[in-house]
Amino acid sequence: MKEIFKNSNTMGILRLILWFYAILPKKICRVLPDHLELKRYFYRYYGYFPDLKDPKIFGEKIQWYKLNYRKPIMNEMVDKYLARNFINKMGFGYTLNELYGVYDNVGEIDLESLPDKFVLKATHGSGMNIICKNKNELDWKSSRMEMKKWLKVNYFFKGRQWVYKDIAPRIICEKYLENEECQELTDYKFYCYNGKPEVVLVYFGRYSDTGPIFDIYDLNWNYLKDLTGRAPTVSNLQKPNKLSEMIEIASKLSQNFPFMRVDLYQVRDQIIFGELTFYPASGFDFLKFPKGDKFLGNLFKLAKK
């Protein structure tokens, strides 16, 4: 058997088969069993298939997590509207951003009744946001078309993220938030393991045209250069004065889960809840940072199925 794989022609054929498997059309991918689609999806990013029996790196463990760890409450926790109920139950209702409305369809949104600044979000996935800083400059026709597309999306099929599969697609409108000192919103994303926050990813450029970038710190606010291999994006970044309180909130929200990312903001001196995530970037947050991928994977202790 080893002699067969030493043959360059055989290896070339195998690589070609794997390549075709990785680029299968979406309609075909939808009928694949979850474990096969996850392997295909992972291969597209990493260039090899994940070890789902004995995963090591963070990216592999997130794929295992999707397949093997499923609690019904997780669906509520990632729903950007229903998550508000969970946050209230946990005693952190004071961190919720002001809600202007929740809509089952785009036709329900009354633009005239909304303030000059607001944010529209889809409740059933990630990356579906409209940031309005000036209502008079908003292309409402284009925005309506975009939101109608959102409502047709089942985010589960993007990497078989189980928690999103049965979420009712809706749109919410919330208060526009901004850190005045930088004219944008700084996002603190806590990576928590069994109720213990370990690191915080600080995201910048949330509203920029080029998209967000992040730096990673430990809970004592030391920049973890080894995990990314690069200097911090923002030098001498000041530790938020509410960091200890944010750590406590993240700890309590993530109890009883092998892994959860808790996103929080600090606007002036107020902590604002962002969202809860079980599969950050579907497991590919640290694709370009192997040391970080390994470090976060080592912290992730897999639960029984």
Protein backbone atom coordinates (compact mmCIF):
# COMPACT_ATOMS: atom_id res chain seq x y z
CA MET A 1 0.00 0.00 0.00
CA LYS A 2 2.83 2.40 0.85
CA GLU A 3 4.31 1.82 -2.60
CA ILE A 4 1.05 2.92 -4.19
CA PHE A 5 1.13 6.26 -2.39
CA LYS A 6 4.75 6.81 -3.35
CA ASN A 7 3.68 6.86 -6.96
CA SER A 8 3.52 10.52 -8.06
CA ASN A 9 0.66 9.85 -10.51
CA THR A 10 -1.44 8.27 -7.75
CA MET A 11 -0.79 11.20 -5.41
CA GLY A 12 -1.73 13.62 -8.15
CA ILE A 13 -5.05 11.85 -8.70
CA LEU A 14 -5.75 11.83 -4.96
CA ARG A 15 -5.04 15.55 -4.70
CA LEU A 16 -7.35 16.20 -7.65
CA ILE A 17 -10.16 14.19 -6.01
CA LEU A 18 -9.72 16.10 -2.75
CA TRP A 19 -9.75 19.39 -4.63
CA PHE A 20 -13.04 18.54 -6.40
CA TYR A 21 -14.49 17.42 -3.06
CA ALA A 22 -13.55 20.77 -1.54
CA ILE A 23 -15.25 22.84 -4.26
CA LEU A 24 -18.52 20.92 -4.57
CA PRO A 25 -21.47 23.14 -5.50
CA LYS A 26 -23.58 24.44 -2.59
CA LYS A 27 -26.68 22.50 -3.65
CA ILE A 28 -24.78 19.21 -3.45
CA CYS A 29 -23.12 20.18 -0.16
CA ARG A 30 -26.50 20.74 1.46
CA VAL A 31 -27.41 17.05 1.20
CA LEU A 32 -24.13 15.82 2.66
CA PRO A 33 -24.26 14.48 6.25
CA ASP A 34 -22.95 16.99 8.79
CA HIS A 35 -19.68 15.19 9.49
CA LEU A 36 -18.79 14.96 5.78
CA GLU A 37 -19.68 18.58 5.07
CA LEU A 38 -17.65 19.74 8.06
CA LYS A 39 -14.62 17.84 6.79
CA ARG A 40 -15.05 19.32 3.31
CA TYR A 41 -15.53 22.82 4.74
CA PHE A 42 -12.46 22.50 6.97
CA TYR A 43 -10.36 21.22 4.05
CA ARG A 44 -11.16 24.33 2.02
CA TYR A 45 -9.55 26.52 4.69
CA TYR A 46 -6.74 24.38 6.11
CA GLY A 47 -5.83 22.22 3.13
CA TYR A 48 -6.26 18.98 5.08
CA PHE A 49 -9.10 17.08 6.72
CA PRO A 50 -9.73 17.56 10.45
CA ASP A 51 -9.15 14.81 12.99
CA LEU A 52 -12.59 14.68 14.58
CA LYS A 53 -11.77 11.65 16.72
CA ASP A 54 -8.81 13.28 18.45
CA PRO A 55 -8.89 17.01 17.57
CA LYS A 56 -5.97 19.15 18.73
CA ILE A 57 -6.12 22.72 17.43
CA PHE A 58 -8.95 25.15 18.13
CA GLY A 59 -10.24 24.96 14.55
CA GLU A 60 -10.62 21.18 14.78
CA LYS A 61 -12.23 21.28 18.21
CA ILE A 62 -14.86 23.75 17.06
CA GLN A 63 -15.86 21.30 14.32
CA TRP A 64 -16.13 18.54 16.94
CA TYR A 65 -18.17 20.93 19.11
CA LYS A 66 -20.66 21.54 16.31
CA LEU A 67 -21.26 17.82 15.89
CA ASN A 68 -21.22 16.54 19.44
CA TYR A 69 -22.29 19.19 21.93
CA ARG A 70 -25.91 20.28 21.60
CA LYS A 71 -28.11 21.82 24.28
CA PRO A 72 -31.47 23.32 23.27
CA ILE A 73 -30.77 26.55 25.21
CA MET A 74 -27.84 27.25 22.89
CA ASN A 75 -30.30 28.16 20.11
CA GLU A 76 -31.83 30.86 22.30
CA MET A 77 -28.44 32.15 23.43
CA VAL A 78 -27.19 32.90 19.90
CA ASP A 79 -30.47 34.38 18.66
CA LYS A 80 -29.76 38.11 18.79
CA TYR A 81 -33.31 38.82 19.98
CA LEU A 82 -34.01 35.87 22.30
CA ALA A 83 -30.55 36.19 23.86
CA ARG A 84 -31.94 39.23 25.65
CA ASN A 85 -34.15 36.87 27.69
CA PHE A 86 -31.13 34.81 28.71
CA ILE A 87 -29.16 37.91 29.70
CA ASN A 88 -32.08 39.10 31.83
CA LYS A 89 -32.41 35.71 33.52
CA MET A 90 -28.72 35.80 34.37
CA GLY A 91 -29.14 39.17 36.08
CA PHE A 92 -27.38 41.30 33.48
CA GLY A 93 -30.36 43.07 31.93
CA TYR A 94 -28.67 46.38 32.66
CA THR A 95 -26.09 45.60 29.96
CA LEU A 96 -28.64 45.30 27.14
CA ASN A 97 -28.54 47.89 24.40
CA GLU A 98 -31.67 49.92 23.73
CA LEU A 99 -34.02 48.06 21.38
CA TYR A 100 -36.06 50.11 18.89
CA GLY A 101 -37.92 47.23 17.25
CA VAL A 102 -38.05 43.59 16.15
CA TYR A 103 -39.45 42.68 12.73
CA ASP A 104 -40.55 39.45 11.04
CA ASN A 105 -40.34 41.06 7.61
CA VAL A 106 -38.79 44.15 6.07
CA GLY A 107 -42.16 45.76 5.38
CA GLU A 108 -42.72 46.19 9.12
CA ILE A 109 -39.80 48.61 9.48
CA ASP A 110 -40.96 52.22 9.65
CA LEU A 111 -37.88 54.23 8.73
CA GLU A 112 -39.52 57.54 9.64
CA SER A 113 -40.05 56.44 13.24
CA LEU A 114 -36.40 55.50 13.76
CA PRO A 115 -33.81 57.95 15.12
CA ASP A 116 -31.13 59.51 12.93
CA LYS A 117 -28.59 56.83 13.98
CA PHE A 118 -29.35 53.13 14.45
CA VAL A 119 -28.18 49.60 13.68
CA LEU A 120 -30.21 46.89 11.93
CA LYS A 121 -29.20 43.27 12.53
CA ALA A 122 -30.40 39.86 11.48
CA THR A 123 -31.10 37.70 14.52
CA HIS A 124 -30.20 34.34 12.98
CA GLY A 125 -26.56 34.59 11.92
CA SER A 126 -23.43 36.69 11.77
CA GLY A 127 -22.18 39.55 9.63
CA MET A 128 -25.67 40.72 8.64
CA ASN A 129 -25.67 44.33 9.85
CA ILE A 130 -26.60 47.76 8.50
CA ILE A 131 -24.89 50.59 10.35
CA CYS A 132 -26.74 53.88 9.90
CA LYS A 133 -24.90 56.99 11.11
CA ASN A 134 -27.14 59.41 9.22
CA LYS A 135 -30.63 58.41 8.15
CA ASN A 136 -30.72 61.10 5.47
CA GLU A 137 -27.76 59.49 3.72
CA LEU A 138 -28.99 55.89 3.97
CA ASP A 139 -29.82 54.12 0.71
CA TRP A 140 -33.04 52.65 2.02
CA LYS A 141 -33.99 50.84 -1.18
CA SER A 142 -30.67 49.00 -1.24
CA SER A 143 -30.89 48.31 2.50
CA ARG A 144 -34.36 46.80 2.14
CA MET A 145 -33.17 44.50 -0.64
CA GLU A 146 -30.21 43.43 1.49
CA MET A 147 -32.39 42.62 4.49
CA LYS A 148 -34.81 40.61 2.35
CA LYS A 149 -31.83 38.45 1.33
CA TRP A 150 -30.91 37.98 4.98
CA LEU A 151 -34.33 36.60 5.82
CA LYS A 152 -33.88 33.84 3.25
CA VAL A 153 -30.57 32.68 4.75
CA ASN A 154 -30.28 29.61 6.97
CA TYR A 155 -26.91 30.27 8.60
CA PHE A 156 -26.66 26.62 9.65
CA PHE A 157 -25.45 25.72 6.17
CA LYS A 158 -22.39 27.96 6.50
CA GLY A 159 -20.17 25.38 8.15
CA ARG A 160 -23.05 23.36 9.65
CA GLN A 161 -23.33 25.62 12.68
CA TRP A 162 -26.03 23.64 14.46
CA VAL A 163 -27.13 26.39 16.87
CA TYR A 164 -28.49 28.53 14.01
CA LYS A 165 -30.46 25.81 12.23
CA ASP A 166 -33.93 26.43 13.67
CA ILE A 167 -33.72 30.12 14.59
CA ALA A 168 -36.62 32.18 13.26
CA PRO A 169 -35.15 34.76 10.86
CA ARG A 170 -35.95 38.26 12.10
CA ILE A 171 -34.45 41.72 12.11
CA ILE A 172 -33.87 43.89 15.15
CA CYS A 173 -33.08 47.58 15.36
CA GLU A 174 -30.86 48.82 18.18
CA LYS A 175 -29.27 52.04 19.34
CA TYR A 176 -26.11 53.06 17.47
CA LEU A 177 -23.08 52.80 19.78
CA GLU A 178 -19.72 54.51 19.43
CA ASN A 179 -16.63 55.10 21.53
CA GLU A 180 -16.19 58.84 21.19
CA GLU A 181 -12.41 58.76 21.56
CA CYS A 182 -11.95 56.70 18.38
CA GLN A 183 -15.19 57.37 16.46
CA GLU A 184 -15.93 53.63 16.25
CA LEU A 185 -16.95 50.76 18.53
CA THR A 186 -14.27 48.72 20.31
CA ASP A 187 -15.36 45.12 20.76
CA TYR A 188 -14.09 42.94 23.65
CA LYS A 189 -14.47 39.25 22.84
CA PHE A 190 -13.78 36.93 25.79
CA TYR A 191 -12.80 33.33 25.02
CA CYS A 192 -14.24 31.33 27.92
CA TYR A 193 -13.75 27.69 28.85
CA ASN A 194 -16.14 26.09 31.38
CA GLY A 195 -16.94 29.49 32.83
CA LYS A 196 -13.33 30.71 32.90
CA PRO A 197 -12.36 33.55 30.56
CA GLU A 198 -8.78 33.00 29.38
CA VAL A 199 -8.05 35.64 26.75
CA VAL A 200 -9.76 38.67 25.25
CA LEU A 201 -9.66 39.62 21.59
CA VAL A 202 -10.01 43.37 21.15
CA TYR A 203 -11.56 44.20 17.78
CA PHE A 204 -11.18 47.55 16.03
CA GLY A 205 -12.52 48.96 12.77
CA ARG A 206 -15.97 47.49 13.24
CA TYR A 207 -17.50 50.07 10.89
CA SER A 208 -14.53 50.47 8.55
CA ASP A 209 -14.57 49.66 4.84
CA THR A 210 -11.62 47.26 5.25
CA GLY A 211 -13.29 45.27 8.03
CA PRO A 212 -12.31 44.62 11.65
CA ILE A 213 -8.85 43.69 12.94
CA PHE A 214 -7.96 42.38 16.37
CA ASP A 215 -5.30 42.24 19.08
CA ILE A 216 -5.23 39.56 21.77
CA TYR A 217 -4.55 40.07 25.48
CA ASP A 218 -4.49 37.97 28.61
CA LEU A 219 -6.72 38.98 31.51
CA ASN A 220 -3.91 41.01 33.09
CA TRP A 221 -3.82 43.09 29.91
CA ASN A 222 -0.54 41.73 28.57
CA TYR A 223 -0.40 41.65 24.78
CA LEU A 224 0.09 38.05 23.60
CA LYS A 225 2.43 38.53 20.66
CA ASP A 226 3.37 34.85 20.51
CA LEU A 227 -0.17 33.90 19.49
CA THR A 228 -0.23 36.11 16.40
CA GLY A 229 3.47 36.70 15.69
CA ARG A 230 2.92 40.40 15.09
CA ALA A 231 3.05 43.68 16.92
CA PRO A 232 -0.23 45.05 18.31
CA THR A 233 -2.45 46.88 15.85
CA VAL A 234 -2.94 49.64 18.39
CA SER A 235 0.17 50.37 20.45
CA ASN A 236 -0.19 51.18 24.16
CA LEU A 237 -3.88 50.30 24.16
CA GLN A 238 -5.39 51.37 27.46
CA LYS A 239 -6.99 48.74 29.62
CA PRO A 240 -10.74 49.41 29.95
CA ASN A 241 -11.59 50.54 33.46
CA LYS A 242 -14.48 48.06 33.56
CA LEU A 243 -12.32 45.06 32.61
CA SER A 244 -12.76 43.24 35.94
CA GLU A 245 -16.53 43.60 35.74
CA MET A 246 -16.55 42.41 32.12
CA ILE A 247 -14.52 39.34 33.12
CA GLU A 248 -17.03 38.56 35.86
CA ILE A 249 -19.96 38.87 33.44
CA ALA A 250 -18.26 36.67 30.85
CA SER A 251 -17.50 34.08 33.52
CA LYS A 252 -21.09 33.81 34.71
CA LEU A 253 -22.61 33.77 31.22
CA SER A 254 -20.28 30.98 30.04
CA GLN A 255 -20.75 28.64 32.99
CA ASN A 256 -21.56 25.02 32.15
CA PHE A 257 -20.27 25.22 28.58
CA PRO A 258 -16.93 23.77 27.40
CA PHE A 259 -16.44 26.88 25.26
CA MET A 260 -18.24 30.15 24.64
CA ARG A 261 -17.19 33.55 23.34
CA VAL A 262 -18.82 36.45 25.15
CA ASP A 263 -18.79 39.81 23.34
CA LEU A 264 -19.06 43.02 25.34
CA TYR A 265 -18.56 46.73 24.76
CA GLN A 266 -17.71 49.58 27.09
CA VAL A 267 -19.25 52.89 26.06
CA ARG A 268 -18.19 55.63 28.44
CA ASP A 269 -18.49 53.81 31.77
CA GLN A 270 -21.30 51.48 30.78
CA ILE A 271 -20.86 47.81 29.81
CA ILE A 272 -23.05 46.81 26.87
CA PHE A 273 -23.81 43.21 25.91
CA GLY A 274 -22.93 42.27 22.33
CA GLU A 275 -23.60 38.61 21.62
CA LEU A 276 -22.79 35.02 22.58
CA THR A 277 -20.99 32.77 20.13
CA PHE A 278 -20.10 29.09 20.29
CA TYR A 279 -18.32 28.82 16.92
CA PRO A 280 -16.24 31.99 16.30
CA ALA A 281 -15.81 32.45 12.55
CA SER A 282 -17.04 28.85 12.28
CA GLY A 283 -13.73 27.78 13.87
CA PHE A 284 -11.36 29.66 11.57
CA ASP A 285 -10.52 32.76 13.62
CA PHE A 286 -6.91 31.64 14.03
CA LEU A 287 -6.39 30.04 10.63
CA LYS A 288 -3.48 32.41 9.91
CA PHE A 289 -2.02 32.10 13.41
CA PRO A 290 -0.97 28.46 14.05
CA LYS A 291 0.45 29.19 17.52
CA GLY A 292 -2.78 30.84 18.57
CA ASP A 293 -4.79 27.97 17.06
CA LYS A 294 -2.80 25.48 19.11
CA PHE A 295 -2.87 27.57 22.31
CA LEU A 296 -6.65 28.04 22.24
CA GLY A 297 -7.10 24.38 21.33
CA ASN A 298 -5.12 23.27 24.38
CA LEU A 299 -7.46 25.27 26.62
CA PHE A 300 -10.52 23.59 25.08
CA LYS A 301 -11.35 20.46 27.12
CA LEU A 302 -13.86 18.45 25.14
CA ALA A 303 -16.96 17.25 26.93
CA LYS A 304 -18.61 13.91 26.40
CA LYS A 305 -21.14 13.75 23.56
